[in-house]
């Protein structure tokens, strides 16, 4: 996967058996040795792209790590 620092990526999060939300992150660190990226949470939407909004705590602390195989780069 060709992803670099500053790129946006998408992660699908299950909400139940048939529903999910999409979380958008910006790459802030890449660890090729572990095949993972660290991303800063940008926004969250429902499956039909309605914005769910983010609380202040989520924006300030919304940094998570993901395996490269679990993310989907967002094409600009």
N, C-alpha and C. Protein backbone atom coordinates (compact mmCIF):
# COMPACT_ATOMS: atom_id res chain seq x y z
N UNK A 1 0.86 -1.18 0.00
CA UNK A 1 0.00 0.00 0.00
C UNK A 1 0.89 1.23 0.00
N UNK A 2 0.55 2.19 -0.82
CA UNK A 2 1.32 3.42 -0.94
C UNK A 2 0.64 4.53 -0.15
N UNK A 3 0.98 4.65 1.12
CA UNK A 3 0.38 5.68 1.98
C UNK A 3 1.52 6.41 2.68
N UNK A 4 1.33 7.71 2.87
CA UNK A 4 2.39 8.51 3.49
C UNK A 4 1.81 9.43 4.56
N UNK A 5 2.68 10.02 5.35
CA UNK A 5 2.25 10.93 6.41
C UNK A 5 1.48 12.09 5.78
N UNK A 6 0.34 12.42 6.38
CA UNK A 6 -0.52 13.49 5.88
C UNK A 6 -1.70 12.99 5.07
N UNK A 7 -1.62 11.75 4.57
CA UNK A 7 -2.74 11.17 3.81
C UNK A 7 -3.91 10.88 4.72
N UNK A 8 -5.11 10.86 4.14
CA UNK A 8 -6.30 10.45 4.88
C UNK A 8 -6.60 9.00 4.60
N UNK A 9 -7.15 8.31 5.62
CA UNK A 9 -7.60 6.95 5.42
C UNK A 9 -8.90 6.72 6.17
N UNK A 10 -9.56 5.65 5.81
CA UNK A 10 -10.89 5.31 6.31
C UNK A 10 -10.83 3.96 7.00
N UNK A 11 -11.56 3.84 8.11
CA UNK A 11 -11.69 2.58 8.84
C UNK A 11 -13.18 2.34 9.07
N UNK A 12 -13.62 1.12 8.80
CA UNK A 12 -15.03 0.75 9.03
C UNK A 12 -15.15 0.16 10.43
N UNK A 13 -16.11 0.65 11.21
CA UNK A 13 -16.33 0.17 12.58
C UNK A 13 -17.75 -0.39 12.68
N UNK A 14 -17.86 -1.64 13.10
CA UNK A 14 -19.18 -2.28 13.22
C UNK A 14 -19.95 -1.68 14.40
N UNK A 15 -21.24 -1.44 14.17
CA UNK A 15 -22.13 -0.95 15.22
C UNK A 15 -23.12 -2.03 15.64
N UNK A 16 -23.20 -3.07 14.88
CA UNK A 16 -24.14 -4.16 15.12
C UNK A 16 -24.02 -5.15 13.99
N UNK A 17 -24.99 -6.03 13.87
CA UNK A 17 -24.91 -7.03 12.82
C UNK A 17 -24.95 -6.45 11.42
N UNK A 18 -25.77 -5.44 11.20
CA UNK A 18 -25.94 -4.93 9.85
C UNK A 18 -25.65 -3.44 9.70
N UNK A 19 -25.07 -2.83 10.71
CA UNK A 19 -24.78 -1.41 10.58
C UNK A 19 -23.33 -1.14 10.94
N UNK A 20 -22.83 -0.07 10.40
CA UNK A 20 -21.45 0.31 10.66
C UNK A 20 -21.30 1.81 10.52
N UNK A 21 -20.19 2.31 11.01
CA UNK A 21 -19.86 3.72 10.79
C UNK A 21 -18.48 3.77 10.16
N UNK A 22 -18.19 4.92 9.57
CA UNK A 22 -16.90 5.13 8.95
C UNK A 22 -16.16 6.19 9.75
N UNK A 23 -14.91 5.92 10.06
CA UNK A 23 -14.07 6.89 10.75
C UNK A 23 -12.94 7.29 9.82
N UNK A 24 -12.74 8.59 9.69
CA UNK A 24 -11.70 9.12 8.82
C UNK A 24 -10.55 9.63 9.68
N UNK A 25 -9.33 9.27 9.31
CA UNK A 25 -8.13 9.64 10.05
C UNK A 25 -7.11 10.26 9.10
N UNK A 26 -6.17 11.02 9.67
CA UNK A 26 -5.00 11.51 8.93
C UNK A 26 -3.78 10.79 9.49
N UNK A 27 -2.92 10.29 8.59
CA UNK A 27 -1.71 9.58 8.99
C UNK A 27 -0.75 10.55 9.67
N UNK A 28 -0.33 10.21 10.89
CA UNK A 28 0.67 11.03 11.57
C UNK A 28 1.98 10.27 11.79
N UNK A 29 1.93 8.95 11.63
CA UNK A 29 3.15 8.14 11.79
C UNK A 29 2.95 6.81 11.07
N UNK A 30 4.01 6.31 10.46
CA UNK A 30 3.97 5.01 9.79
C UNK A 30 5.10 4.16 10.36
N UNK A 31 4.78 2.92 10.71
CA UNK A 31 5.79 1.97 11.19
C UNK A 31 5.83 0.80 10.22
N UNK A 32 6.72 0.87 9.20
CA UNK A 32 6.76 -0.20 8.21
C UNK A 32 7.20 -1.54 8.80
N UNK A 33 8.00 -1.52 9.86
CA UNK A 33 8.45 -2.77 10.48
C UNK A 33 7.28 -3.56 11.06
N UNK A 34 6.29 -2.86 11.61
CA UNK A 34 5.12 -3.52 12.19
C UNK A 34 3.91 -3.49 11.26
N UNK A 35 4.07 -2.90 10.08
CA UNK A 35 2.97 -2.76 9.10
C UNK A 35 1.75 -2.10 9.73
N UNK A 36 1.98 -0.97 10.40
CA UNK A 36 0.86 -0.25 10.99
C UNK A 36 1.05 1.25 10.85
N UNK A 37 -0.07 1.96 10.94
CA UNK A 37 -0.07 3.42 10.89
C UNK A 37 -0.73 3.97 12.15
N UNK A 38 -0.32 5.17 12.51
CA UNK A 38 -0.97 5.90 13.59
C UNK A 38 -1.71 7.06 12.94
N UNK A 39 -2.98 7.22 13.31
CA UNK A 39 -3.79 8.25 12.70
C UNK A 39 -4.50 9.12 13.71
N UNK A 40 -4.77 10.36 13.32
CA UNK A 40 -5.52 11.33 14.12
C UNK A 40 -6.94 11.37 13.58
N UNK A 41 -7.92 11.16 14.44
CA UNK A 41 -9.33 11.15 14.05
C UNK A 41 -9.76 12.51 13.49
N UNK A 42 -10.37 12.48 12.29
CA UNK A 42 -10.85 13.70 11.64
C UNK A 42 -12.36 13.83 11.73
N UNK A 43 -13.08 12.76 11.39
CA UNK A 43 -14.55 12.81 11.41
C UNK A 43 -15.09 11.39 11.43
N UNK A 44 -16.35 11.31 11.76
CA UNK A 44 -17.04 10.02 11.85
C UNK A 44 -18.39 10.17 11.17
N UNK A 45 -18.75 9.20 10.35
CA UNK A 45 -20.04 9.24 9.67
C UNK A 45 -20.74 7.90 9.82
N UNK A 46 -22.04 7.90 9.56
CA UNK A 46 -22.79 6.64 9.54
C UNK A 46 -22.56 5.97 8.19
N UNK A 47 -23.13 4.79 8.02
CA UNK A 47 -22.97 4.04 6.78
C UNK A 47 -23.47 4.83 5.58
N UNK A 48 -24.47 5.67 5.77
CA UNK A 48 -25.01 6.44 4.64
C UNK A 48 -24.41 7.86 4.57
N UNK A 49 -23.25 8.03 5.18
CA UNK A 49 -22.47 9.27 5.12
C UNK A 49 -23.10 10.47 5.82
N UNK A 50 -24.00 10.24 6.76
CA UNK A 50 -24.50 11.34 7.58
C UNK A 50 -23.49 11.57 8.71
N UNK A 51 -23.06 12.80 8.87
CA UNK A 51 -22.05 13.13 9.86
C UNK A 51 -22.58 12.86 11.26
N UNK A 52 -21.83 12.11 12.06
CA UNK A 52 -22.23 11.80 13.43
C UNK A 52 -21.72 12.84 14.41
N UNK A 53 -20.78 13.66 13.98
CA UNK A 53 -20.21 14.66 14.87
C UNK A 53 -19.21 14.04 15.83
N UNK A 54 -18.35 14.87 16.36
CA UNK A 54 -17.33 14.42 17.30
C UNK A 54 -17.34 15.33 18.51
N UNK A 55 -17.15 14.75 19.66
CA UNK A 55 -17.01 15.54 20.87
C UNK A 55 -15.60 16.10 20.97
N UNK A 56 -15.42 17.07 21.81
CA UNK A 56 -14.11 17.70 21.97
C UNK A 56 -13.05 16.69 22.41
N UNK A 57 -13.39 15.79 23.32
CA UNK A 57 -12.43 14.79 23.80
C UNK A 57 -11.98 13.88 22.66
N UNK A 58 -12.92 13.52 21.79
CA UNK A 58 -12.57 12.65 20.67
C UNK A 58 -11.58 13.34 19.74
N UNK A 59 -11.80 14.63 19.49
CA UNK A 59 -10.90 15.35 18.60
C UNK A 59 -9.53 15.53 19.23
N UNK A 60 -9.48 15.82 20.53
CA UNK A 60 -8.21 16.06 21.19
C UNK A 60 -7.42 14.78 21.43
N UNK A 61 -8.12 13.68 21.70
CA UNK A 61 -7.42 12.45 22.02
C UNK A 61 -7.60 11.36 20.99
N UNK A 62 -8.14 11.69 19.84
CA UNK A 62 -8.49 10.68 18.85
C UNK A 62 -7.32 10.18 18.03
N UNK A 63 -6.31 9.62 18.68
CA UNK A 63 -5.16 9.06 17.99
C UNK A 63 -5.16 7.56 18.22
N UNK A 64 -5.12 6.79 17.12
CA UNK A 64 -5.16 5.34 17.23
C UNK A 64 -4.22 4.71 16.23
N UNK A 65 -3.87 3.44 16.48
CA UNK A 65 -3.02 2.68 15.57
C UNK A 65 -3.84 1.61 14.88
N UNK A 66 -3.51 1.38 13.60
CA UNK A 66 -4.21 0.38 12.80
C UNK A 66 -3.22 -0.40 11.97
N UNK A 67 -3.55 -1.67 11.72
CA UNK A 67 -2.77 -2.47 10.78
C UNK A 67 -3.03 -1.95 9.38
N UNK A 68 -2.02 -1.97 8.53
CA UNK A 68 -2.18 -1.48 7.16
C UNK A 68 -3.29 -2.21 6.42
N UNK A 69 -3.49 -3.48 6.72
CA UNK A 69 -4.53 -4.25 6.01
C UNK A 69 -5.95 -3.85 6.41
N UNK A 70 -6.11 -3.09 7.50
CA UNK A 70 -7.43 -2.70 7.99
C UNK A 70 -7.87 -1.31 7.55
N UNK A 71 -7.02 -0.61 6.81
CA UNK A 71 -7.35 0.77 6.42
C UNK A 71 -7.57 0.88 4.92
N UNK A 72 -8.31 1.92 4.54
CA UNK A 72 -8.61 2.19 3.13
C UNK A 72 -8.21 3.63 2.83
N UNK A 73 -7.19 3.85 2.00
CA UNK A 73 -6.79 5.22 1.67
C UNK A 73 -7.94 5.99 1.02
N UNK A 74 -8.06 7.27 1.35
CA UNK A 74 -9.08 8.13 0.77
C UNK A 74 -8.44 8.86 -0.40
N UNK A 75 -9.01 8.71 -1.57
CA UNK A 75 -8.48 9.38 -2.76
C UNK A 75 -8.98 10.82 -2.79
N UNK A 76 -8.06 11.74 -2.99
CA UNK A 76 -8.42 13.17 -3.02
C UNK A 76 -8.96 13.57 -4.36
